[in-house]
């Protein structure tokens, strides 16, 4: 993990096309702004985990068969 220290209104650049800016710091909360191309998904971690879990559930068909296991067995 890369750890950086930034002050209000300072930014970091990721991959030449994503800019993360510290907008405000109040107590233990930090507001950040993210400037990125529209084709890049940006989610809070807890939302991303929820989406991933729902996607895993969606890979099972209604008969209760796990498509992941079927695909693994075909290799």
Protein backbone atom coordinates (compact mmCIF):
# COMPACT_ATOMS: atom_id res chain seq x y z
CA UNK A 1 0.00 0.00 0.00
CA UNK A 2 1.27 3.43 -0.91
CA UNK A 3 0.72 5.98 1.88
CA UNK A 4 0.74 9.68 1.00
CA UNK A 5 0.17 12.82 3.02
CA UNK A 6 -1.90 15.54 1.37
CA UNK A 7 -3.34 18.81 2.60
CA UNK A 8 -6.60 20.49 1.62
CA UNK A 9 -6.70 21.34 -2.11
CA UNK A 10 -3.77 19.02 -2.89
CA UNK A 11 -4.15 16.13 -5.32
CA UNK A 12 -2.68 12.87 -6.46
CA UNK A 13 -2.76 11.55 -10.01
CA UNK A 14 -3.30 7.89 -10.87
CA UNK A 15 -2.49 6.51 -14.31
CA UNK A 16 -2.41 9.97 -15.91
CA UNK A 17 -6.22 10.19 -16.08
CA UNK A 18 -7.53 9.95 -12.51
CA UNK A 19 -7.14 12.87 -10.12
CA UNK A 20 -8.02 12.60 -6.44
CA UNK A 21 -8.22 15.90 -4.56
CA UNK A 22 -8.59 16.50 -0.83
CA UNK A 23 -11.53 18.92 -0.60
CA UNK A 24 -11.95 19.28 3.14
CA UNK A 25 -10.80 17.82 6.45
CA UNK A 26 -13.04 18.07 9.52
CA UNK A 27 -12.06 16.00 12.53
CA UNK A 28 -11.76 12.37 11.45
CA UNK A 29 -13.62 12.91 8.16
CA UNK A 30 -11.96 13.71 4.85
CA UNK A 31 -13.92 14.83 1.78
CA UNK A 32 -12.29 13.87 -1.49
CA UNK A 33 -13.12 14.64 -5.09
CA UNK A 34 -12.38 12.17 -7.86
CA UNK A 35 -11.96 13.27 -11.44
CA UNK A 36 -11.91 10.24 -13.76
CA UNK A 37 -13.12 9.16 -17.20
CA UNK A 38 -16.79 8.14 -17.26
CA UNK A 39 -15.94 4.55 -18.22
CA UNK A 40 -14.19 3.98 -14.87
CA UNK A 41 -16.45 2.74 -12.07
CA UNK A 42 -15.94 4.40 -8.70
CA UNK A 43 -17.65 2.99 -5.61
CA UNK A 44 -17.25 3.19 -1.86
CA UNK A 45 -15.69 -0.07 -0.66
CA UNK A 46 -18.81 -1.25 1.18
CA UNK A 47 -20.91 -0.71 -1.97
CA UNK A 48 -18.32 -2.49 -4.13
CA UNK A 49 -18.41 -5.52 -1.80
CA UNK A 50 -22.21 -5.59 -1.97
CA UNK A 51 -22.13 -5.45 -5.78
CA UNK A 52 -19.57 -8.27 -5.89
CA UNK A 53 -21.68 -10.46 -3.60
CA UNK A 54 -24.79 -9.86 -5.71
CA UNK A 55 -22.85 -10.74 -8.87
CA UNK A 56 -21.70 -14.01 -7.28
CA UNK A 57 -25.30 -14.85 -6.37
CA UNK A 58 -26.39 -14.08 -9.94
CA UNK A 59 -24.04 -16.75 -11.31
CA UNK A 60 -26.25 -19.45 -9.78
CA UNK A 61 -29.26 -20.41 -11.84
CA UNK A 62 -32.70 -20.99 -10.31
CA UNK A 63 -32.25 -24.80 -10.23
CA UNK A 64 -29.61 -24.28 -7.58
CA UNK A 65 -26.71 -25.16 -9.85
CA UNK A 66 -23.56 -23.11 -9.31
CA UNK A 67 -22.25 -22.02 -12.73
CA UNK A 68 -18.79 -21.41 -11.29
CA UNK A 69 -18.50 -25.10 -10.33
CA UNK A 70 -19.75 -26.21 -13.75
CA UNK A 71 -17.17 -24.07 -15.51
CA UNK A 72 -14.36 -25.26 -13.23
CA UNK A 73 -15.26 -28.93 -13.92
CA UNK A 74 -15.11 -28.39 -17.70
CA UNK A 75 -11.40 -27.43 -17.58
